[in-house]
N, C-alpha and C. Protein backbone atom coordinates (compact mmCIF):
# COMPACT_ATOMS: atom_id res chain seq x y z
N MET A 1 14.95 174.46 14.68
CA MET A 1 16.16 174.14 13.93
C MET A 1 17.22 173.52 14.83
N ALA A 2 17.91 172.51 14.29
CA ALA A 2 18.98 171.84 15.07
C ALA A 2 20.16 172.81 15.20
N ARG A 3 20.74 172.85 16.38
CA ARG A 3 21.88 173.75 16.56
C ARG A 3 23.14 173.13 15.95
N ASN A 4 24.11 173.98 15.70
CA ASN A 4 25.38 173.50 15.13
C ASN A 4 26.12 172.59 16.10
N ILE A 5 26.92 171.69 15.55
CA ILE A 5 27.76 170.82 16.37
C ILE A 5 28.99 171.62 16.79
N LYS A 6 29.23 171.70 18.09
CA LYS A 6 30.37 172.46 18.61
C LYS A 6 31.59 171.54 18.71
N VAL A 7 32.68 171.97 18.09
CA VAL A 7 33.89 171.13 18.00
C VAL A 7 35.09 171.85 18.61
N SER A 8 35.87 171.10 19.41
CA SER A 8 37.17 171.58 19.87
C SER A 8 38.25 170.68 19.26
N ILE A 9 39.41 171.24 18.99
CA ILE A 9 40.50 170.50 18.36
C ILE A 9 41.72 170.56 19.26
N ILE A 10 42.30 169.39 19.55
CA ILE A 10 43.57 169.35 20.31
C ILE A 10 44.60 168.66 19.40
N GLU A 11 45.50 169.46 18.86
CA GLU A 11 46.48 169.00 17.85
C GLU A 11 47.71 169.89 17.96
N ASP A 12 48.90 169.28 18.09
CA ASP A 12 50.09 170.10 18.33
C ASP A 12 50.68 170.70 17.05
N ASP A 13 50.35 170.13 15.89
CA ASP A 13 50.86 170.66 14.62
C ASP A 13 49.99 171.86 14.21
N GLU A 14 50.58 173.04 14.24
CA GLU A 14 49.80 174.27 14.01
C GLU A 14 49.13 174.30 12.63
N THR A 15 49.86 173.82 11.60
CA THR A 15 49.32 173.82 10.24
C THR A 15 48.09 172.92 10.15
N LEU A 16 48.22 171.72 10.71
CA LEU A 16 47.09 170.78 10.71
C LEU A 16 45.93 171.34 11.53
N ARG A 17 46.25 171.88 12.70
CA ARG A 17 45.22 172.42 13.60
C ARG A 17 44.41 173.51 12.90
N ASP A 18 45.13 174.43 12.26
CA ASP A 18 44.46 175.52 11.56
C ASP A 18 43.67 174.99 10.36
N GLY A 19 44.24 173.97 9.69
CA GLY A 19 43.57 173.38 8.53
C GLY A 19 42.26 172.72 8.91
N TYR A 20 42.30 171.93 9.98
CA TYR A 20 41.06 171.28 10.46
C TYR A 20 40.03 172.33 10.88
N ALA A 21 40.51 173.35 11.59
CA ALA A 21 39.60 174.39 12.10
C ALA A 21 38.90 175.10 10.93
N PHE A 22 39.69 175.42 9.88
CA PHE A 22 39.12 176.10 8.73
C PHE A 22 38.11 175.20 8.01
N LEU A 23 38.54 173.95 7.78
CA LEU A 23 37.71 172.97 7.06
C LEU A 23 36.36 172.75 7.77
N ILE A 24 36.42 172.50 9.07
CA ILE A 24 35.21 172.19 9.83
C ILE A 24 34.35 173.45 10.01
N GLY A 25 35.02 174.56 10.34
CA GLY A 25 34.29 175.81 10.58
C GLY A 25 33.59 176.34 9.34
N ALA A 26 34.12 175.99 8.16
CA ALA A 26 33.52 176.46 6.91
C ALA A 26 32.35 175.58 6.45
N THR A 27 32.10 174.51 7.20
CA THR A 27 31.02 173.58 6.83
C THR A 27 29.75 173.93 7.59
N GLU A 28 28.67 174.01 6.87
CA GLU A 28 27.39 174.36 7.49
C GLU A 28 27.00 173.31 8.54
N GLY A 29 26.57 173.80 9.70
CA GLY A 29 26.14 172.87 10.76
C GLY A 29 27.22 172.59 11.80
N TYR A 30 28.42 173.18 11.60
CA TYR A 30 29.54 172.94 12.51
C TYR A 30 30.14 174.26 12.98
N ASP A 31 30.50 174.33 14.25
CA ASP A 31 31.23 175.48 14.79
C ASP A 31 32.49 174.98 15.49
N VAL A 32 33.65 175.50 15.12
CA VAL A 32 34.89 175.21 15.87
C VAL A 32 34.97 176.27 16.95
N ILE A 33 34.80 175.84 18.20
CA ILE A 33 34.72 176.83 19.28
C ILE A 33 36.06 177.05 19.98
N SER A 34 37.01 176.10 19.79
CA SER A 34 38.33 176.29 20.40
C SER A 34 39.34 175.33 19.77
N THR A 35 40.61 175.73 19.78
CA THR A 35 41.71 174.86 19.34
C THR A 35 42.83 174.97 20.35
N TYR A 36 43.51 173.85 20.57
CA TYR A 36 44.60 173.81 21.56
C TYR A 36 45.77 172.99 21.01
N CYS A 37 46.98 173.31 21.49
CA CYS A 37 48.18 172.60 21.02
C CYS A 37 48.53 171.42 21.93
N SER A 38 47.85 171.29 23.07
CA SER A 38 48.14 170.19 23.99
C SER A 38 46.96 170.00 24.96
N TYR A 39 46.94 168.84 25.62
CA TYR A 39 45.91 168.62 26.64
C TYR A 39 46.13 169.59 27.79
N ASP A 40 47.40 169.79 28.15
CA ASP A 40 47.72 170.67 29.29
C ASP A 40 47.13 172.06 29.08
N GLU A 41 47.21 172.54 27.83
CA GLU A 41 46.65 173.85 27.50
C GLU A 41 45.12 173.79 27.53
N ALA A 42 44.58 172.73 26.94
CA ALA A 42 43.12 172.58 26.85
C ALA A 42 42.47 172.44 28.22
N SER A 43 43.15 171.76 29.14
CA SER A 43 42.54 171.45 30.44
C SER A 43 42.17 172.70 31.24
N LYS A 44 42.81 173.82 30.91
CA LYS A 44 42.55 175.06 31.65
C LYS A 44 41.19 175.68 31.28
N LYS A 45 40.68 175.35 30.07
CA LYS A 45 39.53 176.09 29.59
C LYS A 45 38.45 175.24 28.91
N ILE A 46 38.80 174.02 28.50
CA ILE A 46 37.88 173.27 27.64
C ILE A 46 36.55 172.93 28.32
N ALA A 47 36.56 172.82 29.64
CA ALA A 47 35.30 172.52 30.35
C ALA A 47 34.28 173.65 30.17
N THR A 48 34.76 174.89 30.05
CA THR A 48 33.84 176.01 29.84
C THR A 48 33.47 176.18 28.36
N ASP A 49 34.28 175.59 27.45
CA ASP A 49 33.95 175.61 26.01
C ASP A 49 32.72 174.74 25.73
N LYS A 50 32.62 173.65 26.50
CA LYS A 50 31.52 172.69 26.36
C LYS A 50 31.31 172.21 24.90
N PRO A 51 32.36 171.63 24.30
CA PRO A 51 32.19 171.11 22.94
C PRO A 51 31.32 169.84 22.94
N ASP A 52 30.70 169.56 21.80
CA ASP A 52 29.98 168.29 21.63
C ASP A 52 30.96 167.18 21.27
N VAL A 53 31.97 167.56 20.46
CA VAL A 53 32.96 166.59 19.96
C VAL A 53 34.35 167.21 20.07
N ILE A 54 35.31 166.38 20.52
CA ILE A 54 36.72 166.81 20.54
C ILE A 54 37.48 165.98 19.51
N LEU A 55 38.20 166.65 18.61
CA LEU A 55 39.14 165.97 17.71
C LEU A 55 40.47 165.95 18.44
N LEU A 56 41.01 164.75 18.65
CA LEU A 56 42.18 164.61 19.52
C LEU A 56 43.31 163.84 18.84
N ASP A 57 44.49 164.44 18.85
CA ASP A 57 45.68 163.76 18.35
C ASP A 57 46.26 162.89 19.48
N ILE A 58 47.04 161.86 19.12
CA ILE A 58 47.66 161.02 20.16
C ILE A 58 49.01 161.56 20.56
N GLU A 59 49.82 161.93 19.59
CA GLU A 59 51.18 162.39 19.89
C GLU A 59 51.15 163.87 20.26
N LEU A 60 51.05 164.13 21.55
CA LEU A 60 50.98 165.51 22.03
C LEU A 60 52.11 165.78 23.01
N PRO A 61 52.58 167.02 23.12
CA PRO A 61 53.56 167.34 24.16
C PRO A 61 52.90 167.24 25.54
N GLY A 62 53.65 166.83 26.54
CA GLY A 62 53.05 166.67 27.88
C GLY A 62 52.22 165.41 27.93
N VAL A 63 51.00 165.52 28.40
CA VAL A 63 50.09 164.37 28.49
C VAL A 63 49.72 163.92 27.07
N ASN A 64 49.97 162.64 26.74
CA ASN A 64 49.63 162.19 25.39
C ASN A 64 48.11 162.01 25.24
N GLY A 65 47.68 161.84 23.99
CA GLY A 65 46.25 161.79 23.70
C GLY A 65 45.51 160.67 24.41
N ILE A 66 46.12 159.49 24.46
CA ILE A 66 45.43 158.35 25.09
C ILE A 66 45.25 158.60 26.59
N ASP A 67 46.30 159.12 27.24
CA ASP A 67 46.18 159.42 28.67
C ASP A 67 45.22 160.60 28.92
N ALA A 68 45.06 161.45 27.89
CA ALA A 68 44.17 162.61 28.03
C ALA A 68 42.70 162.22 27.96
N ILE A 69 42.39 161.09 27.31
CA ILE A 69 40.97 160.73 27.09
C ILE A 69 40.18 160.66 28.40
N PRO A 70 40.61 159.83 29.39
CA PRO A 70 39.82 159.78 30.63
C PRO A 70 39.75 161.11 31.36
N LYS A 71 40.80 161.91 31.24
CA LYS A 71 40.81 163.24 31.89
C LYS A 71 39.75 164.14 31.24
N LEU A 72 39.70 164.08 29.89
CA LEU A 72 38.71 164.88 29.17
C LEU A 72 37.29 164.41 29.46
N LYS A 73 37.12 163.08 29.56
CA LYS A 73 35.79 162.52 29.85
C LYS A 73 35.33 162.95 31.24
N LYS A 74 36.28 163.10 32.15
CA LYS A 74 35.94 163.54 33.51
C LYS A 74 35.50 165.02 33.49
N LEU A 75 36.21 165.82 32.68
CA LEU A 75 35.86 167.25 32.58
C LEU A 75 34.55 167.44 31.82
N LEU A 76 34.34 166.57 30.80
CA LEU A 76 33.18 166.72 29.90
C LEU A 76 32.53 165.35 29.68
N PRO A 77 31.75 164.88 30.65
CA PRO A 77 31.19 163.52 30.58
C PRO A 77 30.32 163.25 29.36
N ASN A 78 29.69 164.29 28.81
CA ASN A 78 28.77 164.10 27.68
C ASN A 78 29.40 164.40 26.33
N CYS A 79 30.71 164.64 26.33
CA CYS A 79 31.40 164.97 25.09
C CYS A 79 31.93 163.70 24.41
N TYR A 80 31.93 163.68 23.09
CA TYR A 80 32.46 162.55 22.33
C TYR A 80 33.88 162.87 21.87
N ILE A 81 34.76 161.88 21.95
CA ILE A 81 36.16 162.10 21.56
C ILE A 81 36.46 161.28 20.31
N LEU A 82 36.93 161.97 19.30
CA LEU A 82 37.27 161.35 18.03
C LEU A 82 38.78 161.48 17.82
N ILE A 83 39.47 160.34 17.81
CA ILE A 83 40.92 160.34 17.62
C ILE A 83 41.23 160.60 16.15
N LEU A 84 42.20 161.48 15.90
CA LEU A 84 42.66 161.76 14.54
C LEU A 84 44.19 161.76 14.60
N THR A 85 44.82 160.70 14.09
CA THR A 85 46.24 160.49 14.33
C THR A 85 46.91 159.78 13.17
N VAL A 86 48.25 159.74 13.21
CA VAL A 86 48.99 158.97 12.20
C VAL A 86 49.14 157.51 12.64
N TYR A 87 48.91 157.24 13.92
CA TYR A 87 49.15 155.90 14.45
C TYR A 87 48.04 154.92 14.09
N GLU A 88 48.42 153.72 13.66
CA GLU A 88 47.41 152.70 13.37
C GLU A 88 47.85 151.32 13.85
N SER A 89 48.51 151.29 15.02
CA SER A 89 48.86 149.99 15.59
C SER A 89 47.69 149.50 16.43
N GLU A 90 47.54 148.18 16.49
CA GLU A 90 46.43 147.60 17.27
C GLU A 90 46.45 148.10 18.70
N LYS A 91 47.65 148.15 19.26
CA LYS A 91 47.77 148.55 20.67
C LYS A 91 47.22 149.96 20.89
N GLN A 92 47.61 150.90 20.02
CA GLN A 92 47.15 152.28 20.16
C GLN A 92 45.63 152.37 19.99
N ILE A 93 45.12 151.64 19.00
CA ILE A 93 43.67 151.68 18.72
C ILE A 93 42.88 151.19 19.92
N PHE A 94 43.26 150.00 20.43
CA PHE A 94 42.50 149.42 21.54
C PHE A 94 42.69 150.21 22.83
N ASN A 95 43.88 150.77 23.03
CA ASN A 95 44.09 151.62 24.21
C ASN A 95 43.19 152.86 24.16
N ALA A 96 43.09 153.45 22.96
CA ALA A 96 42.26 154.65 22.80
C ALA A 96 40.78 154.32 23.01
N LEU A 97 40.32 153.23 22.40
CA LEU A 97 38.90 152.87 22.52
C LEU A 97 38.58 152.45 23.95
N ALA A 98 39.51 151.72 24.58
CA ALA A 98 39.29 151.28 25.97
C ALA A 98 39.27 152.49 26.92
N ALA A 99 40.02 153.53 26.58
CA ALA A 99 40.07 154.72 27.44
C ALA A 99 38.82 155.58 27.30
N GLY A 100 38.04 155.34 26.23
CA GLY A 100 36.79 156.09 26.10
C GLY A 100 36.59 156.85 24.80
N ALA A 101 37.53 156.69 23.83
CA ALA A 101 37.34 157.33 22.53
C ALA A 101 36.15 156.69 21.82
N SER A 102 35.40 157.49 21.07
CA SER A 102 34.22 156.97 20.37
C SER A 102 34.49 156.68 18.91
N GLY A 103 35.62 157.12 18.38
CA GLY A 103 35.97 156.86 16.99
C GLY A 103 37.45 157.02 16.79
N TYR A 104 37.97 156.50 15.67
CA TYR A 104 39.42 156.51 15.44
C TYR A 104 39.68 156.68 13.95
N LEU A 105 40.25 157.82 13.59
CA LEU A 105 40.57 158.10 12.18
C LEU A 105 42.07 158.35 12.05
N THR A 106 42.61 157.97 10.89
CA THR A 106 44.01 158.31 10.60
C THR A 106 44.03 159.61 9.80
N LYS A 107 45.18 160.29 9.83
CA LYS A 107 45.25 161.63 9.24
C LYS A 107 45.19 161.65 7.72
N ASN A 108 45.26 160.47 7.09
CA ASN A 108 45.10 160.44 5.63
C ASN A 108 43.62 160.27 5.24
N THR A 109 42.74 160.33 6.25
CA THR A 109 41.29 160.25 6.00
C THR A 109 40.84 161.46 5.19
N PRO A 110 40.05 161.26 4.12
CA PRO A 110 39.56 162.40 3.33
C PRO A 110 38.78 163.38 4.20
N SER A 111 38.90 164.66 3.87
CA SER A 111 38.27 165.70 4.70
C SER A 111 36.76 165.51 4.82
N ALA A 112 36.10 165.06 3.75
CA ALA A 112 34.65 164.84 3.82
C ALA A 112 34.30 163.77 4.85
N LYS A 113 35.15 162.76 4.96
CA LYS A 113 34.92 161.67 5.92
C LYS A 113 35.12 162.18 7.36
N ILE A 114 36.08 163.08 7.56
CA ILE A 114 36.29 163.66 8.90
C ILE A 114 35.04 164.42 9.34
N ILE A 115 34.52 165.26 8.44
CA ILE A 115 33.31 166.03 8.73
C ILE A 115 32.14 165.10 9.05
N GLU A 116 31.97 164.10 8.21
CA GLU A 116 30.88 163.13 8.38
C GLU A 116 31.02 162.38 9.71
N SER A 117 32.29 162.05 10.07
CA SER A 117 32.55 161.29 11.30
C SER A 117 32.22 162.09 12.55
N ILE A 118 32.41 163.41 12.50
CA ILE A 118 32.07 164.27 13.65
C ILE A 118 30.57 164.17 13.91
N LYS A 119 29.80 164.23 12.85
CA LYS A 119 28.35 164.12 12.99
C LYS A 119 27.96 162.72 13.46
N GLU A 120 28.62 161.71 12.86
CA GLU A 120 28.31 160.31 13.19
C GLU A 120 28.58 160.01 14.66
N VAL A 121 29.72 160.50 15.16
CA VAL A 121 30.09 160.22 16.54
C VAL A 121 29.13 160.90 17.51
N ARG A 122 28.66 162.09 17.14
CA ARG A 122 27.72 162.80 18.00
C ARG A 122 26.36 162.08 18.05
N GLU A 123 26.06 161.37 16.99
CA GLU A 123 24.79 160.63 16.93
C GLU A 123 24.91 159.23 17.52
N GLY A 124 26.06 158.96 18.15
CA GLY A 124 26.23 157.68 18.83
C GLY A 124 26.96 156.62 18.03
N GLY A 125 27.45 156.98 16.85
CA GLY A 125 28.18 156.02 16.01
C GLY A 125 29.62 155.86 16.46
N GLY A 126 30.33 154.94 15.81
CA GLY A 126 31.74 154.70 16.12
C GLY A 126 32.58 154.71 14.86
N PRO A 127 32.75 155.89 14.25
CA PRO A 127 33.45 155.95 12.97
C PRO A 127 34.91 155.54 13.06
N MET A 128 35.36 154.83 12.03
CA MET A 128 36.77 154.44 11.93
C MET A 128 37.22 154.51 10.48
N SER A 129 38.50 154.82 10.28
CA SER A 129 39.06 154.74 8.93
C SER A 129 38.98 153.28 8.48
N ILE A 130 38.94 153.06 7.18
CA ILE A 130 38.80 151.70 6.65
C ILE A 130 39.92 150.79 7.16
N ASN A 131 41.16 151.30 7.14
CA ASN A 131 42.30 150.48 7.58
C ASN A 131 42.21 150.14 9.07
N ILE A 132 41.67 151.07 9.86
CA ILE A 132 41.51 150.83 11.30
C ILE A 132 40.43 149.78 11.53
N ALA A 133 39.32 149.90 10.82
CA ALA A 133 38.22 148.92 10.94
C ALA A 133 38.72 147.51 10.59
N ARG A 134 39.56 147.43 9.56
CA ARG A 134 40.12 146.12 9.17
C ARG A 134 40.96 145.52 10.29
N LEU A 135 41.78 146.36 10.92
CA LEU A 135 42.62 145.89 12.03
C LEU A 135 41.77 145.38 13.19
N VAL A 136 40.71 146.11 13.50
CA VAL A 136 39.82 145.73 14.61
C VAL A 136 39.14 144.39 14.30
N ILE A 137 38.63 144.27 13.08
CA ILE A 137 37.95 143.03 12.68
C ILE A 137 38.93 141.86 12.71
N ARG A 138 40.13 142.10 12.18
CA ARG A 138 41.13 141.03 12.15
C ARG A 138 41.47 140.56 13.57
N SER A 139 41.53 141.50 14.48
CA SER A 139 41.84 141.16 15.86
C SER A 139 40.76 140.25 16.46
N PHE A 140 39.49 140.57 16.16
CA PHE A 140 38.40 139.74 16.70
C PHE A 140 38.32 138.38 16.02
N GLN A 141 38.87 138.31 14.80
CA GLN A 141 38.82 137.04 14.08
C GLN A 141 39.94 136.08 14.50
N LYS A 142 40.85 136.58 15.30
CA LYS A 142 41.96 135.70 15.73
C LYS A 142 41.45 134.54 16.54
N ASN A 143 42.19 133.45 16.46
CA ASN A 143 41.86 132.23 17.21
C ASN A 143 42.04 132.50 18.71
N GLN A 144 40.94 132.41 19.44
CA GLN A 144 40.99 132.68 20.89
C GLN A 144 41.65 131.55 21.68
N GLU A 145 41.83 130.40 21.01
CA GLU A 145 42.45 129.23 21.68
C GLU A 145 43.93 129.13 21.36
N SER A 146 44.53 130.23 20.98
CA SER A 146 45.94 130.22 20.58
C SER A 146 46.84 129.73 21.71
N PRO A 147 47.84 128.89 21.38
CA PRO A 147 48.80 128.44 22.40
C PRO A 147 49.82 129.53 22.74
N LEU A 148 49.84 130.59 21.93
CA LEU A 148 50.83 131.65 22.12
C LEU A 148 50.36 132.69 23.13
N SER A 149 51.31 133.22 23.89
CA SER A 149 50.99 134.31 24.81
C SER A 149 50.78 135.59 24.00
N LYS A 150 50.27 136.61 24.66
CA LYS A 150 50.03 137.90 23.99
C LYS A 150 51.33 138.45 23.42
N ARG A 151 52.41 138.38 24.19
CA ARG A 151 53.71 138.89 23.74
C ARG A 151 54.25 138.07 22.57
N GLU A 152 54.09 136.75 22.64
CA GLU A 152 54.55 135.89 21.54
C GLU A 152 53.79 136.19 20.26
N THR A 153 52.48 136.41 20.40
CA THR A 153 51.65 136.76 19.23
C THR A 153 52.13 138.08 18.63
N GLN A 154 52.40 139.03 19.49
CA GLN A 154 52.88 140.35 19.06
C GLN A 154 54.19 140.22 18.28
N ILE A 155 55.10 139.42 18.80
CA ILE A 155 56.40 139.22 18.15
C ILE A 155 56.23 138.51 16.81
N LEU A 156 55.37 137.50 16.77
CA LEU A 156 55.14 136.77 15.52
C LEU A 156 54.51 137.69 14.46
N GLU A 157 53.64 138.59 14.89
CA GLU A 157 53.05 139.55 13.94
C GLU A 157 54.13 140.46 13.35
N LEU A 158 55.06 140.89 14.19
CA LEU A 158 56.16 141.75 13.72
C LEU A 158 57.10 140.98 12.79
N ILE A 159 57.31 139.70 13.09
CA ILE A 159 58.11 138.84 12.20
C ILE A 159 57.41 138.76 10.84
N GLY A 160 56.08 138.61 10.90
CA GLY A 160 55.28 138.53 9.68
C GLY A 160 55.35 139.80 8.86
N GLU A 161 55.63 140.93 9.52
CA GLU A 161 55.78 142.21 8.81
C GLU A 161 57.18 142.39 8.26
N GLY A 162 58.04 141.36 8.49
CA GLY A 162 59.40 141.41 7.95
C GLY A 162 60.41 142.08 8.86
N LYS A 163 60.04 142.31 10.12
CA LYS A 163 60.96 142.98 11.06
C LYS A 163 62.05 142.00 11.53
N SER A 164 63.24 142.53 11.70
CA SER A 164 64.36 141.74 12.23
C SER A 164 64.24 141.64 13.75
N ARG A 165 65.04 140.75 14.34
CA ARG A 165 65.02 140.62 15.81
C ARG A 165 65.39 141.93 16.48
N GLY A 166 66.39 142.61 15.92
CA GLY A 166 66.81 143.90 16.48
C GLY A 166 65.71 144.95 16.41
N GLN A 167 65.01 144.98 15.28
CA GLN A 167 63.90 145.95 15.12
C GLN A 167 62.77 145.64 16.10
N ILE A 168 62.50 144.34 16.30
CA ILE A 168 61.45 143.94 17.23
C ILE A 168 61.83 144.36 18.65
N ALA A 169 63.09 144.13 19.01
CA ALA A 169 63.57 144.51 20.35
C ALA A 169 63.38 146.01 20.58
N ASN A 170 63.74 146.82 19.57
CA ASN A 170 63.61 148.28 19.68
C ASN A 170 62.15 148.71 19.77
N GLU A 171 61.31 148.09 18.96
CA GLU A 171 59.90 148.49 18.90
C GLU A 171 59.16 148.15 20.19
N LEU A 172 59.53 147.01 20.80
CA LEU A 172 58.83 146.56 22.01
C LEU A 172 59.56 146.95 23.30
N PHE A 173 60.69 147.64 23.13
CA PHE A 173 61.49 148.08 24.30
C PHE A 173 61.91 146.90 25.18
N ILE A 174 62.35 145.84 24.52
CA ILE A 174 62.90 144.68 25.25
C ILE A 174 64.27 144.35 24.66
N ASP A 175 65.09 143.57 25.39
CA ASP A 175 66.42 143.29 24.86
C ASP A 175 66.39 142.13 23.86
N LEU A 176 67.46 142.05 23.09
CA LEU A 176 67.55 141.07 21.99
C LEU A 176 67.43 139.64 22.50
N GLU A 177 68.02 139.40 23.67
CA GLU A 177 67.98 138.03 24.23
C GLU A 177 66.54 137.62 24.55
N THR A 178 65.73 138.57 25.02
CA THR A 178 64.32 138.29 25.32
C THR A 178 63.57 137.94 24.04
N VAL A 179 63.87 138.68 22.97
CA VAL A 179 63.24 138.39 21.67
C VAL A 179 63.60 136.98 21.23
N ARG A 180 64.89 136.63 21.33
CA ARG A 180 65.34 135.28 20.94
C ARG A 180 64.61 134.21 21.74
N SER A 181 64.47 134.46 23.04
CA SER A 181 63.79 133.50 23.92
C SER A 181 62.32 133.31 23.52
N HIS A 182 61.65 134.42 23.21
CA HIS A 182 60.25 134.35 22.77
C HIS A 182 60.12 133.58 21.45
N ILE A 183 61.04 133.86 20.52
CA ILE A 183 60.99 133.17 19.21
C ILE A 183 61.21 131.67 19.39
N LYS A 184 62.14 131.33 20.27
CA LYS A 184 62.38 129.91 20.56
C LYS A 184 61.11 129.24 21.09
N ASN A 185 60.42 129.93 22.00
CA ASN A 185 59.16 129.40 22.56
C ASN A 185 58.07 129.28 21.49
N ILE A 186 58.03 130.26 20.58
CA ILE A 186 57.05 130.22 19.49
C ILE A 186 57.29 128.98 18.64
N TYR A 187 58.55 128.74 18.27
CA TYR A 187 58.90 127.57 17.43
C TYR A 187 58.51 126.27 18.14
N LEU A 188 58.79 126.22 19.45
CA LEU A 188 58.47 125.00 20.23
C LEU A 188 56.97 124.78 20.27
N LYS A 189 56.21 125.82 20.57
CA LYS A 189 54.75 125.70 20.70
C LYS A 189 54.09 125.35 19.36
N LEU A 190 54.64 125.88 18.27
CA LEU A 190 54.04 125.62 16.96
C LEU A 190 54.67 124.41 16.26
N ASP A 191 55.73 123.88 16.88
CA ASP A 191 56.44 122.71 16.33
C ASP A 191 56.95 123.01 14.92
N VAL A 192 57.65 124.13 14.80
CA VAL A 192 58.25 124.52 13.50
C VAL A 192 59.73 124.85 13.73
N ASN A 193 60.45 125.00 12.59
CA ASN A 193 61.89 125.26 12.69
C ASN A 193 62.34 126.51 11.96
N SER A 194 61.40 127.27 11.41
CA SER A 194 61.80 128.47 10.66
C SER A 194 60.74 129.55 10.78
N ARG A 195 61.17 130.77 10.50
CA ARG A 195 60.26 131.93 10.49
C ARG A 195 59.12 131.70 9.51
N ALA A 196 59.50 131.26 8.30
CA ALA A 196 58.49 131.07 7.24
C ALA A 196 57.42 130.07 7.67
N ASP A 197 57.85 128.96 8.28
CA ASP A 197 56.89 127.93 8.73
C ASP A 197 56.02 128.46 9.86
N ALA A 198 56.63 129.22 10.78
CA ALA A 198 55.88 129.78 11.91
C ALA A 198 54.79 130.73 11.42
N ILE A 199 55.15 131.60 10.48
CA ILE A 199 54.19 132.57 9.93
C ILE A 199 53.08 131.85 9.17
N LYS A 200 53.47 130.88 8.34
CA LYS A 200 52.49 130.13 7.54
C LYS A 200 51.48 129.43 8.45
N LEU A 201 51.98 128.72 9.45
CA LEU A 201 51.12 127.98 10.36
C LEU A 201 50.22 128.93 11.17
N ALA A 202 50.79 130.04 11.61
CA ALA A 202 50.03 131.01 12.41
C ALA A 202 48.90 131.62 11.58
N ARG A 203 49.17 131.90 10.33
CA ARG A 203 48.11 132.49 9.47
C ARG A 203 47.03 131.46 9.13
N GLN A 204 47.45 130.23 8.89
CA GLN A 204 46.47 129.17 8.59
C GLN A 204 45.52 128.97 9.76
N ASN A 205 46.05 129.09 10.98
CA ASN A 205 45.25 128.83 12.18
C ASN A 205 44.72 130.11 12.85
N LYS A 206 44.84 131.23 12.12
CA LYS A 206 44.35 132.54 12.59
C LYS A 206 44.92 132.93 13.97
N LEU A 207 46.21 132.62 14.15
CA LEU A 207 46.89 133.02 15.39
C LEU A 207 47.38 134.45 15.28
N ILE A 208 47.55 134.92 14.03
CA ILE A 208 47.92 136.33 13.80
C ILE A 208 47.03 136.86 12.67
């Protein structure tokens, strides 16, 4: 008989942590062997827990989830890490996958899909929420010959989402003048004179 899949959960929200533990532990074929509120707490004991799969949140006190991934992989080289978070920005997704996560789910994922994903990731799969998979595919479909720099592309995407210059500055932790300078360069490179034209041209040419 196949043994149960051993799962550890690292999630700072106690209600969610207990909810996941109950949900997974009550499912045949799965054992929740430990739960932790932070990586710092988990690092003291998780190597002796020897889970097959770790459910990991990104927004954690102390060491955040993305920075925790390589540390966990070092402690448990054969363990699979499945991100379960509210974040669905391209940057967070690619940072998590590049750091060694094997799957990426958002917290609005149905419980049955979370259970299924734990099994899938242990079998070598790369489960993702539908919205995350769309973002990843869209990123690969972008025009690789774009005249825009990575930062300019990022800013144009935020403009496309309806963000103001001030909001873009806050989100990217840069000053307003830098945003203005990037937008000016975007207009020059695309030979346009307005936000609407820049977005339209960028979408037609798969720059965003």
